[in-house]
Structure formats: C-alpha cells, structure tokens
Amino acid sequence: MTARPHSPLMPPVVLRVPACNTAIACVQHAVRWFVEQAAMDERKRFAIDLAIEELILTLLRYAFDDGREEGDLEFTIELHATVLRIEAACRALPFDLSMVPEFDVQTETGADDAALSVLLLKHMVDRYQLHNGGKEGVRFNLEWLRPLTHVKQLEDATVPPAAVPGQAPAPIAEIRPLREDEALELARLVYRSYGYSYVSDYLYYPDRIVARLREGMLHSWVAVSERGELAGHAALMMPHRDAGAAEWSIGVVDPRWRGQGLLRQISLEIIRYAATTPASILFMHSVTNHPHTQKSASELGFEPTALLLGYAPASLQFRHIHDTLAQRETTFIAVRPLKPLPPQPVYLPRHHAASLHRIAEGAGLTLNESAAPDHNTFEETTTFESVIEPAVNVAIVNLRHTGADLRVALARERRRLCLEKVDIIYLNIDLAGPAAPHAVAIAEAQGFFLAGLVPMQPWPHTLALQYPNNLEFDYESIHAVGEQAQWLKALVRQEQMRVGE
C-alpha cells in the first residue's frame, strides 16, 4: 500500500469553490503560491496549471453532468519536503476514468474532448490517483516531485574516498545508522549495484533520502570501511511511523565487498531495531531472477507467503549479476513476524483454506478460521482504494467494502486499470470480513488468481490476488529457493491455470 507523503512543511490550505468553470482560475491562483515556494521551473508550473484545468473540466463533465448538477469542489493543497500534493474532492455523481473514452494518440481522435483532457492530465503529473468512496464522494490526488538534484549532477563535483586501483578493499570498521551527510554516497552505492534502474527513484536524489530519514519513513544502516567508504546498506521502510508492517529493503553491497556476509550483518541490526517499532510484521520483496536474495532472506528468518508475478519492470538491472531480464521481475513476499497478529476470526474460501493455513504456518502465523455466516453481510455499496505505482507500473487495489454490486464494480475497476495500461493488478481482500469468500469467488470469475498472504498490508490478515494485463510468464525462469517457495510457486501456477480454464 502506497504511503501518502508525511509531515507537510506548512499547514495545508483547504479551498472550497463552486463547481463551475470560474473555479479553474481561482484554484490555479491559490496553487501558484505553493508552486513558487517549491521553486518549480517554468515547465512544471505550466504542467500544474494545465493539470488543474483538465481535472476540473473532467469533474464538471462527469461528476456534475456538464453543469446540470450543482455542488462544490474542495481542494486541499500541501507542500512536503519532496512533493507538492493537491487533492480534489466532491460529492456528486459517481464516476471513474473507465467512463472516459480513450484518446487515440496516433490518429489524435477520441469520442469527445474529455478523452484529450484525461490524456493531458495523466501526462502533466508525476503521480495521480482516483478514489471512489461511494457515498463519501470522489477524491482525485495529484502529486508533483519538487526539483531536487540528481546524483549524476553531483558526482563529478564530489570526490568519493576511492580505493587505489588494484588495492584490496579496506576492512569494515563499523555498522551504524546512515548519517544525513552520507546521502550522496548512498546514491553512489545504489548505482554501483543497479545502475540507474532501481525502482525507488528517490535514491538517486540525496535531498529526498534526507527528507525520508527525517520523516521516519526510512531507517538506513550502513557498513563503513576504515577509509570511510560505504561498503553496504540495507534499510527499513515504513509508510508512516505507526505502520503495522515494515519493509526490509534497499539491500546493496559494493561489488568490492561482496562475499563477506555484510548484508546479513547489517540486516541483523535492522531486525533488532524493527522489534522496537509498532510494526507487527517485517517483510521483504525477494527477487526471483537469481537465488541470492531468497537465500539471504531464509537465513534471516523470513519465509515466503506470496508470489507476486511481474512486480518490478524488466528494466530492473542487477549489475555484475544480471544486466537484463527476459520478463518483468517476479518477487516473493517473505515475512518475519515481530509481534503476534490480532487474534481475529478469519473467513477463508473453502478451496483455499488448506493452502492458506500452510502458508501462514510456514511463516509462524496462525489463522483462526471461522465459518462464514449464511446471511447477507454486504455493505450497501462496494468501495475500493486503488493506487497506481508509476515506478513499477502496477496497481494495488484494496477492497474496502463489499457491496451487493461487487461483480459490476470490480469489473469496472479492472477495466479502468487495464485501460490505464498497468502491467499487473493486485487485489487485496480482508479475510476478517465475512464476505471475503464471496469476494474471492467473484474476483476469480473475472480472472484474478491467488498470490498469497500479505499480512498487515493493509489489514492483519490480507489475502492478495493478482491479474496480469495481457502478460505471460515463464515459470521456469522464476527461481524458488526452499521447500515453501517451491510449493508456493507451483500453487500460484496451478491457480492461474485453474482460473484461466
């Protein structure tokens, strides 16, 4: 689940305006003050102005029926250390982007001007998200990254503590938390392992690394040589300070120090620290194009609970291991419990019950299965929380409420996301909800199939399903290390075939 930016630099401004064309200039004027504070360049200022105009025009067209419906638009403007964020909310006609005809870029045609508006909107923002909250209305989130300095603009001006050619790497002096003044060297270290292909782009911007350290979203540890070089790194990433799940991530070792067990030593420090946080679950994405990460995860007590097909783009590079990937990178979600999960009753789909118990037990978790009630437990309206992750081009959909309209609502949301051209859709379902078995049955009838358990993401007992958007995967190219991983890989492959029949 994607985190919303943390700790704005100044109190957010909330602007309520009538839903009409004159709102465009009013909102643009208010946002320009924030744009100036963020030191955006002229190109980005133009993009922000245009995005606001196209967003309001789209809302007026679909949420307010071309002016035939009256109401207000509420804009919340926030400036953070690394991002400018605008949220537009309205309680009007329900709609989503699947209602907007797709604009044909090659022929420059669409069914109406709305198709062009949405196309422009998508290309004018760094990240956008539509949330249809049913009776709570529609929220549209737009984000623009602030102009900060990329590592490649700094590396020529800063001389790292380089080793003499042919000289053996210096011994490791200490393992400790990363200092803010070492952010540039961390960016260099990531480059040495991944080039510029790492999916978390902020790691190439030292200022963004520092901002995340200060906001408590990144907790980094490094191995430092006697010459002051950063030889290895790993981090704990949290969407916010009170998150129930923390991710072990950004495990990198300079090629000169590989084979010395540095990543394990750093990770042990991170695990000790993680136990002091509010998190109940420590998890990691173990890549499958090579076995090394999975072996390290197993040695640290992580066990696989889900297999996410195609989670990362094929452009992800592992320098000195694999330079290119034949298909999108599949990852195992591997879990290490830090605290017991809440003892909730869970409602398991009958055909998945045995498999889910095995997955949970393999990771040291317990599922307290309860019989699903016979009566109708559906909410009035189905609501989703859908996030598109541009860095990896996947969509994560959390099923917040299961309504009697789930079949239609899920088909519409799936179609919308496919038209957004995401490569994979991951659907999360709360197993503590009595309607979970019904929701799984509907999702599988529409082509979703089992990925596994992703505890505390966002609910304590979260079931993940997945839907590749016209992609095929060669399972023989997916490395699975250990009995549990091999069994889970075979299970996911079997479920994909079963659902596709």
Protein backbone atom coordinates (compact mmCIF):
# COMPACT_ATOMS: atom_id res chain seq x y z
CA MET A 1 0.00 0.00 0.00
CA THR A 2 1.44 3.33 -1.01
CA ALA A 3 2.09 5.89 1.69
CA ARG A 4 0.84 9.39 1.46
CA PRO A 5 3.62 11.99 1.93
CA HIS A 6 4.36 12.65 5.59
CA SER A 7 4.69 15.86 7.62
CA PRO A 8 3.89 18.83 5.34
CA LEU A 9 6.32 21.74 5.61
CA MET A 10 3.43 24.13 6.33
CA PRO A 11 -0.25 23.74 7.25
CA PRO A 12 -2.32 22.57 4.27
CA VAL A 13 -4.69 25.02 2.62
CA VAL A 14 -8.29 23.89 2.03
CA LEU A 15 -10.17 25.71 -0.71
CA ARG A 16 -13.89 25.20 -1.37
CA VAL A 17 -15.19 26.59 -4.68
CA PRO A 18 -18.43 26.24 -6.66
CA ALA A 19 -18.38 23.55 -9.34
CA CYS A 20 -18.19 25.79 -12.37
CA ASN A 21 -15.66 26.96 -14.97
CA THR A 22 -14.67 30.03 -12.95
CA ALA A 23 -13.23 27.68 -10.31
CA ILE A 24 -10.30 26.95 -12.64
CA ALA A 25 -8.63 30.36 -12.34
CA CYS A 26 -9.35 30.53 -8.59
CA VAL A 27 -7.68 27.19 -7.85
CA GLN A 28 -4.76 27.89 -10.19
CA HIS A 29 -4.10 31.18 -8.40
CA ALA A 30 -4.06 29.51 -4.97
CA VAL A 31 -1.77 26.71 -6.13
CA ARG A 32 0.73 29.11 -7.74
CA TRP A 33 1.83 30.40 -4.33
CA PHE A 34 2.77 26.83 -3.31
CA VAL A 35 4.45 26.29 -6.67
CA GLU A 36 6.65 29.32 -6.03
CA GLN A 37 7.58 28.06 -2.55
CA ALA A 38 8.53 24.73 -4.11
CA ALA A 39 10.79 26.51 -6.63
CA MET A 40 9.22 24.71 -9.59
CA ASP A 41 10.61 25.64 -13.00
CA GLU A 42 8.50 27.19 -15.77
CA ARG A 43 7.86 23.87 -17.49
CA LYS A 44 6.46 22.29 -14.33
CA ARG A 45 4.45 25.43 -13.50
CA PHE A 46 2.76 25.20 -16.89
CA ALA A 47 2.10 21.48 -16.34
CA ILE A 48 0.49 22.12 -12.94
CA ASP A 49 -1.74 24.90 -14.33
CA LEU A 50 -2.83 22.67 -17.21
CA ALA A 51 -3.45 19.65 -14.96
CA ILE A 52 -5.72 21.70 -12.67
CA GLU A 53 -7.69 22.94 -15.67
CA GLU A 54 -8.12 19.47 -17.18
CA LEU A 55 -9.03 17.94 -13.80
CA ILE A 56 -11.77 20.49 -13.13
CA LEU A 57 -13.13 20.18 -16.66
CA THR A 58 -13.28 16.38 -16.28
CA LEU A 59 -15.06 16.66 -12.90
CA LEU A 60 -17.55 19.15 -14.29
CA ARG A 61 -18.24 16.90 -17.27
CA TYR A 62 -18.74 13.62 -15.42
CA ALA A 63 -19.36 14.31 -11.73
CA PHE A 64 -21.61 17.33 -12.37
CA ASP A 65 -23.18 16.25 -15.67
CA ASP A 66 -21.99 19.27 -17.68
CA GLY A 67 -23.42 21.72 -15.15
CA ARG A 68 -26.79 20.06 -14.74
CA GLU A 69 -25.80 19.05 -11.19
CA GLU A 70 -24.86 21.70 -8.61
CA GLY A 71 -22.28 21.38 -5.87
CA ASP A 72 -18.83 22.32 -4.62
CA LEU A 73 -15.26 21.25 -5.25
CA GLU A 74 -12.91 21.05 -2.30
CA PHE A 75 -9.16 21.32 -2.92
CA THR A 76 -6.51 20.54 -0.30
CA ILE A 77 -3.03 21.85 -1.16
CA GLU A 78 0.02 20.52 0.71
CA LEU A 79 3.73 21.18 0.29
CA HIS A 80 6.10 18.50 1.58
CA ALA A 81 9.86 18.23 1.58
CA THR A 82 9.87 16.30 -1.68
CA VAL A 83 6.43 16.71 -3.23
CA LEU A 84 3.58 19.13 -3.93
CA ARG A 85 0.26 17.39 -3.39
CA ILE A 86 -3.24 18.50 -4.42
CA GLU A 87 -6.40 16.61 -3.52
CA ALA A 88 -9.69 17.42 -5.23
CA ALA A 89 -12.85 16.08 -3.58
CA CYS A 90 -16.50 16.33 -4.48
CA ARG A 91 -19.74 14.63 -3.55
CA ALA A 92 -21.60 14.37 -6.83
CA LEU A 93 -22.38 11.77 -9.48
CA PRO A 94 -20.25 8.62 -9.05
CA PHE A 95 -17.75 8.15 -11.87
CA ASP A 96 -14.35 6.73 -12.69
CA LEU A 97 -11.97 7.00 -15.61
CA SER A 98 -13.39 3.92 -17.33
CA MET A 99 -16.30 6.20 -18.35
CA VAL A 100 -13.94 8.46 -20.31
CA PRO A 101 -13.28 7.33 -23.90
CA GLU A 102 -9.64 6.52 -24.58
CA PHE A 103 -7.81 9.05 -26.72
CA ASP A 104 -6.07 7.61 -29.77
CA VAL A 105 -2.62 9.19 -29.78
CA GLN A 106 -1.77 8.01 -33.31
CA THR A 107 -4.86 9.40 -35.00
CA GLU A 108 -5.38 12.20 -32.45
CA THR A 109 -9.04 11.27 -32.14
CA GLY A 110 -11.34 10.45 -29.27
CA ALA A 111 -15.06 10.29 -28.69
CA ASP A 112 -15.04 13.79 -27.17
CA ASP A 113 -12.84 16.46 -25.59
CA ALA A 114 -12.87 14.58 -22.27
CA ALA A 115 -10.61 11.91 -23.74
CA LEU A 116 -8.00 14.54 -24.54
CA SER A 117 -8.43 16.15 -21.10
CA VAL A 118 -7.66 12.91 -19.29
CA LEU A 119 -4.73 12.17 -21.58
CA LEU A 120 -3.24 15.60 -20.83
CA LEU A 121 -3.91 15.18 -17.12
CA LYS A 122 -2.03 11.88 -16.99
CA HIS A 123 0.99 13.39 -18.73
CA MET A 124 1.09 16.58 -16.65
CA VAL A 125 1.51 14.93 -13.21
CA ASP A 126 4.15 12.75 -11.59
CA ARG A 127 1.51 10.65 -9.83
CA TYR A 128 -2.28 10.62 -9.76
CA GLN A 129 -4.89 8.52 -8.03
CA LEU A 130 -8.68 8.33 -8.22
CA HIS A 131 -10.63 7.09 -5.19
CA ASN A 132 -14.36 6.47 -5.49
CA GLY A 133 -15.69 6.39 -1.94
CA GLY A 134 -19.33 5.68 -2.73
CA LYS A 135 -21.49 7.93 -0.56
CA GLU A 136 -18.35 9.75 0.59
CA GLY A 137 -17.81 11.02 -2.94
CA VAL A 138 -14.83 11.10 -5.29
CA ARG A 139 -11.24 12.12 -4.45
CA PHE A 140 -8.59 12.82 -7.04
CA ASN A 141 -4.97 13.09 -5.85
CA LEU A 142 -2.27 14.78 -7.93
CA GLU A 143 1.42 14.92 -7.00
CA TRP A 144 4.49 16.62 -8.42
CA LEU A 145 8.02 15.93 -7.22
CA ARG A 146 9.96 19.02 -6.20
CA PRO A 147 13.04 19.85 -8.30
CA LEU A 148 15.97 18.38 -6.41
CA THR A 149 19.44 17.47 -7.57
CA HIS A 150 20.06 14.04 -9.13
CA VAL A 151 23.19 12.18 -8.10
CA LYS A 152 24.66 12.26 -11.60
CA GLN A 153 24.72 16.07 -11.39
CA LEU A 154 26.73 15.85 -8.18
CA GLU A 155 29.12 13.00 -8.75
CA ASP A 156 31.61 14.96 -10.86
CA ALA A 157 31.83 17.70 -8.24
CA THR A 158 32.30 15.41 -5.25
CA VAL A 159 35.32 13.17 -4.90
CA PRO A 160 34.49 9.92 -3.08
CA PRO A 161 37.09 8.19 -0.87
CA ALA A 162 38.27 5.99 -3.73
CA ALA A 163 40.49 2.97 -3.37
CA VAL A 164 43.77 2.76 -5.20
CA PRO A 165 43.39 0.60 -8.35
CA GLY A 166 44.32 -2.98 -7.60
CA GLN A 167 44.25 -2.36 -3.85
CA ALA A 168 42.26 -4.79 -1.71
CA PRO A 169 39.06 -3.32 -0.21
CA ALA A 170 39.59 -1.82 3.21
CA PRO A 171 38.33 -3.77 6.25
CA ILE A 172 34.93 -2.87 7.66
CA ALA A 173 35.23 -0.56 10.63
CA GLU A 174 31.61 -0.35 11.83
CA ILE A 175 27.94 -0.93 11.08
CA ARG A 176 25.77 2.00 12.09
CA PRO A 177 22.83 4.18 11.02
CA LEU A 178 23.34 6.28 7.91
CA ARG A 179 24.22 9.93 8.55
CA GLU A 180 22.43 12.62 6.56
CA ASP A 181 25.72 13.88 5.10
CA GLU A 182 26.24 10.39 3.58
CA ALA A 183 23.13 10.52 1.38
CA LEU A 184 25.17 11.20 -1.75
CA GLU A 185 27.43 8.22 -1.07
CA LEU A 186 24.34 6.02 -0.60
CA ALA A 187 23.12 7.13 -4.05
CA ARG A 188 26.52 6.15 -5.48
CA LEU A 189 26.35 2.78 -3.75
CA VAL A 190 22.91 2.06 -5.24
CA TYR A 191 24.25 2.96 -8.66
CA ARG A 192 27.15 0.52 -8.30
CA SER A 193 24.65 -2.32 -7.84
CA TYR A 194 21.72 -1.24 -10.02
CA GLY A 195 22.95 1.47 -12.35
CA TYR A 196 20.03 3.90 -12.72
CA SER A 197 17.42 1.13 -12.89
CA TYR A 198 16.42 0.91 -9.19
CA VAL A 199 12.64 1.25 -8.89
CA SER A 200 12.74 3.74 -5.98
CA ASP A 201 13.88 6.77 -7.92
CA TYR A 202 14.32 8.93 -4.79
CA LEU A 203 17.52 7.02 -4.00
CA TYR A 204 19.26 8.98 -6.75
CA TYR A 205 18.34 12.30 -5.08
CA PRO A 206 20.31 12.88 -1.85
CA ASP A 207 17.85 15.56 -0.67
CA ARG A 208 14.97 13.10 -0.96
CA ILE A 209 16.89 10.49 1.01
CA VAL A 210 17.46 13.04 3.78
CA ALA A 211 13.77 14.04 3.76
CA ARG A 212 12.67 10.43 4.23
CA LEU A 213 15.16 9.93 7.04
CA ARG A 214 13.78 12.96 8.84
CA GLU A 215 10.16 11.93 8.29
CA GLY A 216 10.72 8.49 9.80
CA MET A 217 9.86 6.71 6.55
CA LEU A 218 13.42 5.43 6.01
CA HIS A 219 15.72 3.90 8.61
CA SER A 220 19.07 3.12 6.99
CA TRP A 221 22.08 1.18 8.23
CA VAL A 222 25.45 1.07 6.52
CA ALA A 223 28.69 -0.87 6.71
CA VAL A 224 31.58 1.61 6.64
CA SER A 225 35.16 0.75 5.77
CA GLU A 226 38.26 2.00 7.58
CA ARG A 227 38.70 4.51 4.73
CA GLY A 228 35.17 5.87 5.28
CA GLU A 229 33.64 4.17 2.23
CA LEU A 230 30.06 2.91 2.29
CA ALA A 231 30.51 -0.78 1.56
CA GLY A 232 26.95 -1.97 2.14
CA HIS A 233 23.48 -0.77 3.02
CA ALA A 234 20.03 -2.01 3.98
CA ALA A 235 17.00 -0.14 5.25
CA LEU A 236 13.69 -0.39 7.00
CA MET A 237 10.96 1.41 5.04
CA MET A 238 7.67 2.42 6.65
CA PRO A 239 4.73 4.26 5.05
CA HIS A 240 4.30 6.14 8.35
CA ARG A 241 5.71 5.94 11.88
CA ASP A 242 2.89 3.76 13.25
CA ALA A 243 2.73 1.29 10.35
CA GLY A 244 1.80 -2.30 11.14
CA ALA A 245 4.21 -3.66 8.51
CA ALA A 246 7.77 -2.51 7.85
CA GLU A 247 9.72 -3.45 4.74
CA TRP A 248 13.33 -4.59 4.70
CA SER A 249 14.66 -3.06 1.52
CA ILE A 250 17.49 -1.45 -0.45
CA GLY A 251 19.94 -4.21 0.35
CA VAL A 252 23.05 -3.35 -1.64
CA VAL A 253 26.73 -4.23 -1.28
CA ASP A 254 29.52 -2.64 -3.26
CA PRO A 255 30.88 -5.35 -5.61
CA ARG A 256 34.31 -4.97 -3.97
CA TRP A 257 32.96 -6.21 -0.63
CA ARG A 258 30.63 -8.96 -1.80
CA GLY A 259 31.07 -12.41 -0.31
CA GLN A 260 31.87 -11.16 3.19
CA GLY A 261 28.39 -11.53 4.70
CA LEU A 262 27.93 -7.76 5.06
CA LEU A 263 24.25 -7.76 4.15
CA ARG A 264 23.50 -10.28 6.87
CA GLN A 265 25.36 -8.25 9.48
CA ILE A 266 23.54 -5.05 8.52
CA SER A 267 20.20 -6.86 8.41
CA LEU A 268 20.60 -8.21 11.93
CA GLU A 269 20.91 -4.63 13.16
CA ILE A 270 17.76 -3.70 11.26
CA ILE A 271 15.81 -6.65 12.69
CA ARG A 272 16.80 -5.65 16.22
CA TYR A 273 15.64 -2.11 15.55
CA ALA A 274 12.39 -3.23 13.88
CA ALA A 275 11.39 -5.05 17.07
CA THR A 276 11.28 -1.66 18.85
CA THR A 277 8.81 -0.15 16.35
CA PRO A 278 4.99 -0.50 16.34
CA ALA A 279 5.24 -2.91 13.39
CA SER A 280 3.95 -6.46 13.84
CA ILE A 281 5.38 -7.72 10.55
CA LEU A 282 8.74 -7.31 8.87
CA PHE A 283 8.61 -8.24 5.20
CA MET A 284 10.72 -8.06 2.07
CA HIS A 285 10.45 -8.50 -1.68
CA SER A 286 12.76 -11.36 -2.67
CA VAL A 287 13.56 -11.21 -6.38
CA THR A 288 13.40 -14.42 -8.39
CA ASN A 289 15.71 -13.86 -11.35
CA HIS A 290 18.55 -15.17 -9.15
CA PRO A 291 18.56 -17.17 -5.88
CA HIS A 292 20.82 -14.94 -3.76
CA THR A 293 18.18 -12.68 -2.17
CA GLN A 294 15.95 -15.61 -1.25
CA LYS A 295 18.84 -17.46 0.37
CA SER A 296 19.71 -14.38 2.42
CA ALA A 297 16.05 -13.93 3.42
CA SER A 298 15.81 -17.53 4.61
CA GLU A 299 18.98 -17.19 6.69
CA LEU A 300 17.44 -14.13 8.38
CA GLY A 301 14.24 -15.99 9.30
CA PHE A 302 11.97 -14.70 6.51
CA GLU A 303 9.52 -17.17 4.95
CA PRO A 304 7.59 -16.67 1.68
CA THR A 305 3.86 -16.02 1.96
CA ALA A 306 3.00 -14.68 -1.51
CA LEU A 307 4.33 -14.77 -5.07
CA LEU A 308 3.71 -11.51 -6.92
CA LEU A 309 4.09 -12.08 -10.64
CA GLY A 310 5.72 -9.23 -12.54
CA TYR A 311 6.04 -6.87 -9.57
CA ALA A 312 9.03 -4.96 -10.98
CA PRO A 313 9.78 -3.92 -14.58
CA ALA A 314 12.15 -5.90 -16.76
CA SER A 315 14.38 -2.81 -16.88
CA LEU A 316 15.50 -3.57 -13.30
CA GLN A 317 19.18 -4.40 -13.56
CA PHE A 318 21.48 -6.26 -11.21
CA ARG A 319 24.96 -5.16 -12.15
CA HIS A 320 27.54 -7.97 -12.06
CA ILE A 321 24.69 -10.49 -11.60
CA HIS A 322 22.20 -10.00 -14.49
CA ASP A 323 22.29 -6.97 -16.76
CA THR A 324 18.95 -7.65 -18.47
CA LEU A 325 15.80 -9.55 -17.60
CA ALA A 326 13.77 -11.61 -20.06
CA GLN A 327 10.45 -10.70 -18.38
CA ARG A 328 9.08 -8.50 -15.61
CA GLU A 329 10.65 -9.33 -12.26
CA THR A 330 8.54 -11.61 -10.06
CA THR A 331 9.06 -11.36 -6.31
CA PHE A 332 8.24 -13.42 -3.26
CA ILE A 333 6.80 -11.56 -0.29
CA ALA A 334 8.80 -13.04 2.57
CA VAL A 335 7.67 -12.38 6.13
CA ARG A 336 9.23 -12.41 9.59
CA PRO A 337 6.71 -11.82 12.44
CA LEU A 338 7.79 -9.33 15.10
CA LYS A 339 4.66 -9.49 17.25
CA PRO A 340 1.55 -11.71 17.19
CA LEU A 341 -1.17 -10.57 14.83
CA PRO A 342 -4.53 -9.58 16.36
CA PRO A 343 -6.50 -12.79 17.18
CA GLN A 344 -9.28 -12.07 14.70
CA PRO A 345 -11.58 -14.73 13.26
CA VAL A 346 -10.98 -15.11 9.53
CA TYR A 347 -13.29 -16.37 6.78
CA LEU A 348 -11.39 -18.48 4.28
CA PRO A 349 -12.57 -19.50 0.80
CA ARG A 350 -13.17 -23.22 1.12
CA HIS A 351 -11.00 -24.18 -1.85
CA HIS A 352 -8.06 -22.13 -0.50
CA ALA A 353 -8.35 -22.95 3.22
CA ALA A 354 -5.74 -25.71 3.38
CA SER A 355 -3.24 -23.73 1.29
CA LEU A 356 -3.69 -20.56 3.34
CA HIS A 357 -3.18 -22.45 6.60
CA ARG A 358 0.03 -23.93 5.20
CA ILE A 359 1.29 -20.51 4.07
CA ALA A 360 0.55 -18.96 7.45
CA GLU A 361 2.05 -21.79 9.50
CA GLY A 362 5.20 -21.76 7.36
CA ALA A 363 5.77 -18.13 8.36
CA GLY A 364 4.92 -18.65 12.03
CA LEU A 365 1.44 -17.15 11.80
CA THR A 366 -1.93 -18.52 12.89
CA LEU A 367 -5.28 -18.25 11.13
CA ASN A 368 -8.28 -18.55 13.46
CA GLU A 369 -10.76 -19.84 10.92
CA SER A 370 -14.45 -19.19 11.42
CA ALA A 371 -17.46 -20.36 9.42
CA ALA A 372 -18.86 -17.71 7.10
CA PRO A 373 -22.38 -16.58 8.08
CA ASP A 374 -25.28 -17.67 5.92
CA HIS A 375 -26.99 -14.28 5.93
CA ASN A 376 -26.17 -11.38 3.63
CA THR A 377 -23.39 -9.28 5.19
CA PHE A 378 -22.72 -6.95 2.28
CA GLU A 379 -22.34 -3.21 2.66
CA GLU A 380 -24.65 -1.01 0.63
CA THR A 381 -22.01 -0.09 -1.98
CA THR A 382 -18.67 -1.58 -2.97
CA THR A 383 -15.72 0.77 -2.47
CA PHE A 384 -12.09 0.36 -3.48
CA GLU A 385 -8.89 2.17 -2.66
CA SER A 386 -6.81 1.93 -5.84
CA VAL A 387 -3.26 3.15 -6.23
CA ILE A 388 -1.14 3.06 -9.38
CA GLU A 389 2.59 2.80 -8.69
CA PRO A 390 4.20 4.52 -11.69
CA ALA A 391 7.73 3.39 -10.81
CA VAL A 392 6.77 -0.26 -11.35
CA ASN A 393 3.56 0.26 -13.41
CA VAL A 394 1.34 -1.88 -11.19
CA ALA A 395 -1.98 -1.15 -9.49
CA ILE A 396 -2.79 -2.09 -5.90
CA VAL A 397 -6.49 -2.30 -5.15
CA ASN A 398 -7.74 -2.62 -1.57
CA LEU A 399 -11.34 -3.83 -1.33
CA ARG A 400 -12.60 -1.56 1.46
CA HIS A 401 -16.29 -2.52 1.44
CA THR A 402 -18.03 -5.44 -0.25
CA GLY A 403 -21.43 -4.50 -1.60
CA ALA A 404 -24.12 -6.34 -3.50
CA ASP A 405 -22.76 -4.58 -6.59
CA LEU A 406 -19.27 -6.11 -6.27
CA ARG A 407 -19.42 -8.07 -9.51
CA VAL A 408 -20.14 -4.96 -11.60
CA ALA A 409 -17.90 -2.66 -9.55
CA LEU A 410 -14.87 -4.96 -9.76
CA ALA A 411 -15.30 -5.48 -13.49
CA ARG A 412 -15.45 -1.72 -13.97
CA GLU A 413 -12.37 -1.11 -11.80
CA ARG A 414 -10.41 -3.84 -13.52
CA ARG A 415 -11.31 -2.42 -16.93
CA ARG A 416 -10.35 1.09 -15.83
CA LEU A 417 -6.93 -0.04 -14.64
CA CYS A 418 -6.33 -2.10 -17.77
CA LEU A 419 -7.11 0.97 -19.86
CA GLU A 420 -4.53 2.79 -17.73
CA LYS A 421 -2.16 0.17 -19.19
CA VAL A 422 -0.78 -1.07 -15.87
CA ASP A 423 1.01 -4.40 -16.25
CA ILE A 424 -0.36 -6.12 -13.13
CA ILE A 425 -3.33 -5.52 -10.82
CA TYR A 426 -3.03 -6.79 -7.25
CA LEU A 427 -6.32 -7.10 -5.37
CA ASN A 428 -6.20 -7.18 -1.54
CA ILE A 429 -9.11 -8.68 0.42
CA ASP A 430 -9.54 -8.59 4.21
CA LEU A 431 -10.01 -12.18 5.39
CA ALA A 432 -11.50 -10.87 8.64
CA GLY A 433 -14.53 -9.73 6.64
CA PRO A 434 -17.37 -12.28 6.50
CA ALA A 435 -17.88 -11.52 2.80
CA ALA A 436 -14.28 -12.48 1.91
CA PRO A 437 -15.12 -15.91 0.38
CA HIS A 438 -17.81 -14.32 -1.78
CA ALA A 439 -15.40 -11.58 -2.91
CA VAL A 440 -12.74 -14.15 -3.83
CA ALA A 441 -15.23 -16.14 -5.89
CA ILE A 442 -16.30 -13.06 -7.85
CA ALA A 443 -12.68 -11.95 -8.40
CA GLU A 444 -11.61 -15.40 -9.64
CA ALA A 445 -14.55 -15.49 -12.03
CA GLN A 446 -13.09 -12.31 -13.56
CA GLY A 447 -9.58 -13.71 -13.98
CA PHE A 448 -7.88 -12.84 -10.69
CA PHE A 449 -5.94 -15.69 -9.09
CA LEU A 450 -4.15 -16.40 -5.84
CA ALA A 451 -0.90 -14.64 -4.93
CA GLY A 452 -0.85 -15.49 -1.20
CA LEU A 453 -0.96 -13.74 2.16
CA VAL A 454 0.43 -10.24 2.75
CA PRO A 455 -0.16 -9.66 6.50
CA MET A 456 -0.69 -6.06 7.71
CA GLN A 457 -0.84 -4.75 4.13
CA PRO A 458 -3.15 -3.15 4.93
CA TRP A 459 -5.13 -5.48 7.22
CA PRO A 460 -3.70 -8.03 9.67
CA HIS A 461 -4.98 -10.94 7.55
CA THR A 462 -4.80 -9.77 3.95
CA LEU A 463 -5.29 -12.12 1.01
CA ALA A 464 -3.66 -11.00 -2.25
CA LEU A 465 -4.97 -11.93 -5.69
CA GLN A 466 -3.38 -10.85 -8.99
CA TYR A 467 -4.38 -10.10 -12.56
CA PRO A 468 -1.72 -9.78 -15.32
CA ASN A 469 -2.82 -7.35 -18.03
CA ASN A 470 -2.14 -9.36 -21.21
CA LEU A 471 1.20 -10.66 -19.92
CA GLU A 472 2.53 -14.20 -19.89
CA PHE A 473 5.20 -15.54 -17.56
CA ASP A 474 7.76 -18.27 -17.94
CA TYR A 475 7.60 -20.02 -14.57
CA GLU A 476 10.75 -21.96 -15.39
CA SER A 477 12.66 -18.67 -15.20
CA ILE A 478 11.37 -17.96 -11.69
CA HIS A 479 13.88 -19.16 -9.08
CA ALA A 480 12.28 -20.56 -5.93
CA VAL A 481 14.63 -21.39 -3.07
CA GLY A 482 13.43 -23.78 -0.37
CA GLU A 483 10.50 -26.15 0.01
CA GLN A 484 7.93 -23.48 0.91
CA ALA A 485 8.89 -21.24 -2.02
CA GLN A 486 8.85 -24.11 -4.50
CA TRP A 487 5.45 -25.26 -3.27
CA LEU A 488 4.05 -21.70 -3.39
CA LYS A 489 5.34 -21.18 -6.94
CA ALA A 490 3.65 -24.43 -8.04
CA LEU A 491 0.45 -23.40 -6.25
CA VAL A 492 0.28 -19.99 -7.97
CA ARG A 493 0.96 -21.57 -11.36
CA GLN A 494 -1.79 -24.14 -10.74
CA GLU A 495 -4.24 -21.41 -9.66
CA GLN A 496 -3.52 -19.32 -12.73
CA MET A 497 -4.24 -22.31 -14.95
CA ARG A 498 -7.40 -23.20 -13.00
CA VAL A 499 -8.85 -19.70 -13.13
CA GLY A 500 -7.95 -19.38 -16.82
CA GLU A 501 -9.80 -22.55 -17.84
